[in-house]
Every structure is written in structure tokens, then in C-alpha cells.
Amino acid sequence: MAAIVQIFISPGHNFFGHHGRAPGTHAIREQETVACLAGRGLAGDRFLDHKDNYKGQVTFFAEETFEEIRQALDEFNRPVSAFRRNIVTRGLDLNELIGRQFLLDGVLFEGTEECRPCAWMDEAFAPGAEQWLRGRGGLRARILTNGTLRRCADVNWEVLDAIHA
């Protein structure tokens, strides 16, 4: 069984594009639902209309990975929102979705690549987070059809064929 555990958007970037500068202070806001706009991103999010065909129109993060990193780094005071990923899932192998199209709650996505952790992870979550997250930082995806995602304990999903280059 798969679930959408939490949904987050933020109106601005705190880390992206801030290399060599202090992080931003844009709040990340939890949502019950979010509109997915094909080829554009999530309504109200910082990456909406970032650039044409952007590979990170939406980001996913596994709740299981969050629980594992909390244990591994002995950090229980930071929320999953510290990672600034949009959709927190349970029961999905996000790495398996790289290079695949998949339906999640009726919205079609294309998994493009791992959402690789950056050096900011050590500041945003805990020292060692960047290294620990390598290979399990989540999923970047393009949105292929319009639709709405909702927090849901039992979400419909389907992996489609691999994307052909």
C-alpha cells in the first residue's frame, strides 16, 4: 500500500542558488492538497515555471528514508520538511521510478533523477546528512498531466513503461 503522507510548497528558495551566501528564510508550508500543473510545477511552489522542461518540477521523499536518517544521525528534533521536498511518500521505491513514467493519484509523472542531496543538508538537518542521503535523497520528476494530489493513506499508483530516449 502506498501513501502520500505530507505535501509541502514554498514560495521561495532557501538553499537553491544561495551558494556562498546565507540561506533564505522562506517558510515551507504543509498542504492537504496541491495542484499539479503539467510542464510547469506545483501551484504556489518556488519551482513553478522555473524553466522549460525542468526536471525538478516536483520532488518526492520517502518517509522510510526520513525514519532511517533520524536513527542513523540520532536527530529527532528536525521535521521531514527540513529536506524541502514537496511530496513525502510511504510504500514507494522512489529510485525505481527514475527513468519511468508513473501515475500517482491520477496524475502522470516522469521520474527524471535522484534529488541529490547538497551540502546544505548538513545545516538544514544534521551534520552528516549530505553523505548519508547519497543514493536516497528522493526523486525529481516532471509533471505530465494536470491534476491534484491529496494527503492519502491509500493512494492509487501505477508504474508505466520505461521512458525511451
C-alpha atoms as a PDB file:
ATOM      1  CA  MET A   1       0.000   0.000   0.000  1.00  0.00           C
ATOM      2  CA  ALA A   2       1.324   3.442  -0.944  1.00  0.00           C
ATOM      3  CA  ALA A   3       0.559   6.732   0.760  1.00  0.00           C
ATOM      4  CA  ILE A   4       1.057  10.451   0.317  1.00  0.00           C
ATOM      5  CA  VAL A   5       1.998  11.331   3.883  1.00  0.00           C
ATOM      6  CA  GLN A   6       2.678  15.063   3.580  1.00  0.00           C
ATOM      7  CA  ILE A   7       2.678  17.763   0.916  1.00  0.00           C
ATOM      8  CA  PHE A   8       4.856  20.880   1.076  1.00  0.00           C
ATOM      9  CA  ILE A   9       5.308  24.007  -1.026  1.00  0.00           C
ATOM     10  CA  SER A  10       7.377  27.128  -0.502  1.00  0.00           C
ATOM     11  CA  PRO A  11       7.121  30.460  -2.298  1.00  0.00           C
ATOM     12  CA  GLY A  12      10.897  30.967  -2.392  1.00  0.00           C
ATOM     13  CA  HIS A  13      14.284  29.308  -2.359  1.00  0.00           C
ATOM     14  CA  ASN A  14      16.261  28.993   0.862  1.00  0.00           C
ATOM     15  CA  PHE A  15      19.209  26.983  -0.476  1.00  0.00           C
ATOM     16  CA  PHE A  16      18.927  26.700  -4.274  1.00  0.00           C
ATOM     17  CA  GLY A  17      21.093  29.461  -5.762  1.00  0.00           C
ATOM     18  CA  HIS A  18      22.443  30.542  -2.356  1.00  0.00           C
ATOM     19  CA  HIS A  19      25.947  29.068  -2.677  1.00  0.00           C
ATOM     20  CA  GLY A  20      28.382  31.260  -0.776  1.00  0.00           C
ATOM     21  CA  ARG A  21      25.561  33.188   0.889  1.00  0.00           C
ATOM     22  CA  ALA A  22      23.321  32.685   3.882  1.00  0.00           C
ATOM     23  CA  PRO A  23      20.223  30.544   3.350  1.00  0.00           C
ATOM     24  CA  GLY A  24      16.904  32.217   2.658  1.00  0.00           C
ATOM     25  CA  THR A  25      14.077  32.420   5.154  1.00  0.00           C
ATOM     26  CA  HIS A  26      11.072  31.348   3.063  1.00  0.00           C
ATOM     27  CA  ALA A  27       8.734  29.160   5.089  1.00  0.00           C
ATOM     28  CA  ILE A  28       7.762  25.755   3.813  1.00  0.00           C
ATOM     29  CA  ARG A  29       4.009  25.284   4.077  1.00  0.00           C
ATOM     30  CA  GLU A  30       2.232  21.994   4.570  1.00  0.00           C
ATOM     31  CA  GLN A  31      -0.821  21.468   2.356  1.00  0.00           C
ATOM     32  CA  GLU A  32      -3.681  18.974   2.328  1.00  0.00           C
ATOM     33  CA  THR A  33      -3.808  19.177  -1.486  1.00  0.00           C
ATOM     34  CA  VAL A  34      -1.700  20.657  -4.255  1.00  0.00           C
ATOM     35  CA  ALA A  35      -2.466  21.390  -7.896  1.00  0.00           C
ATOM     36  CA  CYS A  36      -0.015  19.750 -10.312  1.00  0.00           C
ATOM     37  CA  LEU A  37       0.349  21.798 -13.490  1.00  0.00           C
ATOM     38  CA  ALA A  38       1.648  19.847 -16.496  1.00  0.00           C
ATOM     39  CA  GLY A  39       5.056  21.028 -17.663  1.00  0.00           C
ATOM     40  CA  ARG A  40       5.102  23.787 -15.068  1.00  0.00           C
ATOM     41  CA  GLY A  41       5.271  22.542 -11.458  1.00  0.00           C
ATOM     42  CA  LEU A  42       3.156  22.782  -8.327  1.00  0.00           C
ATOM     43  CA  ALA A  43       0.819  25.727  -7.802  1.00  0.00           C
ATOM     44  CA  GLY A  44       2.365  28.145  -5.308  1.00  0.00           C
ATOM     45  CA  ASP A  45       5.784  26.468  -5.242  1.00  0.00           C
ATOM     46  CA  ARG A  46       9.167  28.082  -5.856  1.00  0.00           C
ATOM     47  CA  PHE A  47       9.899  25.887  -8.900  1.00  0.00           C
ATOM     48  CA  LEU A  48       6.644  26.728 -10.719  1.00  0.00           C
ATOM     49  CA  ASP A  49       7.653  27.874 -14.231  1.00  0.00           C
ATOM     50  CA  HIS A  50      11.338  27.753 -13.214  1.00  0.00           C
ATOM     51  CA  LYS A  51      12.339  26.922 -16.804  1.00  0.00           C
ATOM     52  CA  ASP A  52      11.050  24.946 -19.787  1.00  0.00           C
ATOM     53  CA  ASN A  53      11.030  21.172 -19.350  1.00  0.00           C
ATOM     54  CA  TYR A  54      12.626  21.467 -15.903  1.00  0.00           C
ATOM     55  CA  LYS A  55      13.467  18.035 -14.489  1.00  0.00           C
ATOM     56  CA  GLY A  56      12.573  19.028 -10.925  1.00  0.00           C
ATOM     57  CA  GLN A  57       9.046  20.397 -11.282  1.00  0.00           C
ATOM     58  CA  VAL A  58       8.175  18.298  -8.227  1.00  0.00           C
ATOM     59  CA  THR A  59      10.296  16.419  -5.692  1.00  0.00           C
ATOM     60  CA  PHE A  60       9.438  13.301  -3.713  1.00  0.00           C
ATOM     61  CA  PHE A  61      10.954  11.957  -0.483  1.00  0.00           C
ATOM     62  CA  ALA A  62      10.297   8.634   1.242  1.00  0.00           C
ATOM     63  CA  GLU A  63       9.056   8.656   4.819  1.00  0.00           C
ATOM     64  CA  GLU A  64      11.035   5.434   5.321  1.00  0.00           C
ATOM     65  CA  THR A  65      14.258   7.276   4.433  1.00  0.00           C
ATOM     66  CA  PHE A  66      13.371  10.021   6.899  1.00  0.00           C
ATOM     67  CA  GLU A  67      12.933   7.496   9.696  1.00  0.00           C
ATOM     68  CA  GLU A  68      16.237   5.812   8.803  1.00  0.00           C
ATOM     69  CA  ILE A  69      18.256   9.048   8.732  1.00  0.00           C
ATOM     70  CA  ARG A  70      16.787  10.149  12.057  1.00  0.00           C
ATOM     71  CA  GLN A  71      18.056   6.920  13.615  1.00  0.00           C
ATOM     72  CA  ALA A  72      21.401   6.955  11.811  1.00  0.00           C
ATOM     73  CA  LEU A  73      22.243  10.544  12.773  1.00  0.00           C
ATOM     74  CA  ASP A  74      20.452  10.493  16.145  1.00  0.00           C
ATOM     75  CA  GLU A  75      18.446  13.582  15.163  1.00  0.00           C
ATOM     76  CA  PHE A  76      14.845  13.569  16.318  1.00  0.00           C
ATOM     77  CA  ASN A  77      14.139  17.305  16.622  1.00  0.00           C
ATOM     78  CA  ARG A  78      14.021  18.218  12.926  1.00  0.00           C
ATOM     79  CA  PRO A  79      10.907  17.594  10.842  1.00  0.00           C
ATOM     80  CA  VAL A  80      10.841  15.991   7.397  1.00  0.00           C
ATOM     81  CA  SER A  81      10.157  19.471   5.975  1.00  0.00           C
ATOM     82  CA  ALA A  82      13.834  20.321   6.680  1.00  0.00           C
ATOM     83  CA  PHE A  83      14.659  18.487   3.431  1.00  0.00           C
ATOM     84  CA  ARG A  84      12.366  20.831   1.461  1.00  0.00           C
ATOM     85  CA  ARG A  85      10.953  18.088  -0.761  1.00  0.00           C
ATOM     86  CA  ASN A  86       7.390  18.528  -1.993  1.00  0.00           C
ATOM     87  CA  ILE A  87       5.723  15.142  -1.592  1.00  0.00           C
ATOM     88  CA  VAL A  88       6.514  12.739   1.257  1.00  0.00           C
ATOM     89  CA  THR A  89       5.508   9.187   0.367  1.00  0.00           C
ATOM     90  CA  ARG A  90       5.318   5.843   2.085  1.00  0.00           C
ATOM     91  CA  GLY A  91       5.478   2.476   0.346  1.00  0.00           C
ATOM     92  CA  LEU A  92       7.089   3.641  -2.922  1.00  0.00           C
ATOM     93  CA  ASP A  93      10.626   2.809  -4.048  1.00  0.00           C
ATOM     94  CA  LEU A  94      11.486   6.233  -5.443  1.00  0.00           C
ATOM     95  CA  ASN A  95      14.769   5.143  -7.045  1.00  0.00           C
ATOM     96  CA  GLU A  96      12.812   2.572  -9.083  1.00  0.00           C
ATOM     97  CA  LEU A  97      10.849   5.449 -10.624  1.00  0.00           C
ATOM     98  CA  ILE A  98      13.905   7.115 -12.189  1.00  0.00           C
ATOM     99  CA  GLY A  99      13.533   6.902 -15.958  1.00  0.00           C
ATOM    100  CA  ARG A 100       9.925   5.730 -15.701  1.00  0.00           C
ATOM    101  CA  GLN A 101       6.520   7.253 -16.090  1.00  0.00           C
ATOM    102  CA  PHE A 102       4.141   6.663 -13.211  1.00  0.00           C
ATOM    103  CA  LEU A 103       0.619   7.549 -12.194  1.00  0.00           C
ATOM    104  CA  LEU A 104       0.088   8.767  -8.665  1.00  0.00           C
ATOM    105  CA  ASP A 105      -3.460   9.603  -7.619  1.00  0.00           C
ATOM    106  CA  GLY A 106      -4.401  10.081 -11.282  1.00  0.00           C
ATOM    107  CA  VAL A 107      -1.534  12.461 -12.129  1.00  0.00           C
ATOM    108  CA  LEU A 108       1.099  11.322 -14.647  1.00  0.00           C
ATOM    109  CA  PHE A 109       4.755  11.977 -13.755  1.00  0.00           C
ATOM    110  CA  GLU A 110       8.113  11.241 -15.321  1.00  0.00           C
ATOM    111  CA  GLY A 111      10.852  10.336 -12.842  1.00  0.00           C
ATOM    112  CA  THR A 112      13.959  12.150 -14.058  1.00  0.00           C
ATOM    113  CA  GLU A 113      16.718  11.638 -11.479  1.00  0.00           C
ATOM    114  CA  GLU A 114      17.593  11.316  -7.839  1.00  0.00           C
ATOM    115  CA  CYS A 115      17.009  14.506  -5.899  1.00  0.00           C
ATOM    116  CA  ARG A 116      20.658  14.571  -4.912  1.00  0.00           C
ATOM    117  CA  PRO A 117      21.467  15.986  -1.502  1.00  0.00           C
ATOM    118  CA  CYS A 118      23.595  19.102  -1.295  1.00  0.00           C
ATOM    119  CA  ALA A 119      25.946  20.490   1.336  1.00  0.00           C
ATOM    120  CA  TRP A 120      23.022  22.464   2.813  1.00  0.00           C
ATOM    121  CA  MET A 121      21.569  19.192   4.143  1.00  0.00           C
ATOM    122  CA  ASP A 122      24.187  19.193   6.915  1.00  0.00           C
ATOM    123  CA  GLU A 123      22.939  22.607   8.049  1.00  0.00           C
ATOM    124  CA  ALA A 124      19.227  22.050   7.386  1.00  0.00           C
ATOM    125  CA  PHE A 125      19.030  18.653   9.106  1.00  0.00           C
ATOM    126  CA  ALA A 126      22.212  17.477  10.855  1.00  0.00           C
ATOM    127  CA  PRO A 127      25.943  17.056  10.219  1.00  0.00           C
ATOM    128  CA  GLY A 128      26.469  14.019   8.017  1.00  0.00           C
ATOM    129  CA  ALA A 129      23.089  14.276   6.274  1.00  0.00           C
ATOM    130  CA  GLU A 130      24.515  15.059   2.823  1.00  0.00           C
ATOM    131  CA  GLN A 131      26.769  11.995   2.857  1.00  0.00           C
ATOM    132  CA  TRP A 132      24.129   9.722   4.379  1.00  0.00           C
ATOM    133  CA  LEU A 133      21.488  10.724   1.794  1.00  0.00           C
ATOM    134  CA  ARG A 134      23.623   9.961  -1.277  1.00  0.00           C
ATOM    135  CA  GLY A 135      21.654   7.491  -3.367  1.00  0.00           C
ATOM    136  CA  ARG A 136      18.489   8.005  -1.305  1.00  0.00           C
ATOM    137  CA  GLY A 137      17.806  11.738  -1.492  1.00  0.00           C
ATOM    138  CA  GLY A 138      14.439  11.360  -3.146  1.00  0.00           C
ATOM    139  CA  LEU A 139      13.129  11.780  -6.672  1.00  0.00           C
ATOM    140  CA  ARG A 140      12.900  14.693  -9.074  1.00  0.00           C
ATOM    141  CA  ALA A 141      10.100  14.468 -11.605  1.00  0.00           C
ATOM    142  CA  ARG A 142       8.327  16.268 -14.389  1.00  0.00           C
ATOM    143  CA  ILE A 143       4.561  16.671 -14.264  1.00  0.00           C
ATOM    144  CA  LEU A 144       2.992  15.340 -17.469  1.00  0.00           C
ATOM    145  CA  THR A 145      -0.731  15.871 -16.783  1.00  0.00           C
ATOM    146  CA  ASN A 146      -2.739  18.328 -14.733  1.00  0.00           C
ATOM    147  CA  GLY A 147      -4.323  17.069 -11.558  1.00  0.00           C
ATOM    148  CA  THR A 148      -4.458  17.342  -7.803  1.00  0.00           C
ATOM    149  CA  LEU A 149      -2.541  15.353  -5.211  1.00  0.00           C
ATOM    150  CA  ARG A 150      -4.059  14.856  -1.766  1.00  0.00           C
ATOM    151  CA  ARG A 151      -2.751  13.539   1.502  1.00  0.00           C
ATOM    152  CA  CYS A 152      -4.000   9.996   1.441  1.00  0.00           C
ATOM    153  CA  ALA A 153      -3.248   6.857   3.451  1.00  0.00           C
ATOM    154  CA  ASP A 154      -4.025   4.576   0.494  1.00  0.00           C
ATOM    155  CA  VAL A 155      -3.185   6.242  -2.794  1.00  0.00           C
ATOM    156  CA  ASN A 156      -3.657   4.700  -6.234  1.00  0.00           C
ATOM    157  CA  TRP A 157      -0.423   4.394  -8.173  1.00  0.00           C
ATOM    158  CA  GLU A 158       0.952   2.554 -11.171  1.00  0.00           C
ATOM    159  CA  VAL A 159       4.391   2.365 -12.769  1.00  0.00           C
ATOM    160  CA  LEU A 160       4.256   2.567 -16.555  1.00  0.00           C
ATOM    161  CA  ASP A 161       6.868   1.695 -19.158  1.00  0.00           C
ATOM    162  CA  ALA A 162      10.417   2.988 -19.091  1.00  0.00           C
ATOM    163  CA  ILE A 163      10.991   6.242 -20.943  1.00  0.00           C
ATOM    164  CA  HIS A 164      12.681   5.718 -24.298  1.00  0.00           C
ATOM    165  CA  ALA A 165      15.308   8.238 -25.344  1.00  0.00           C
END
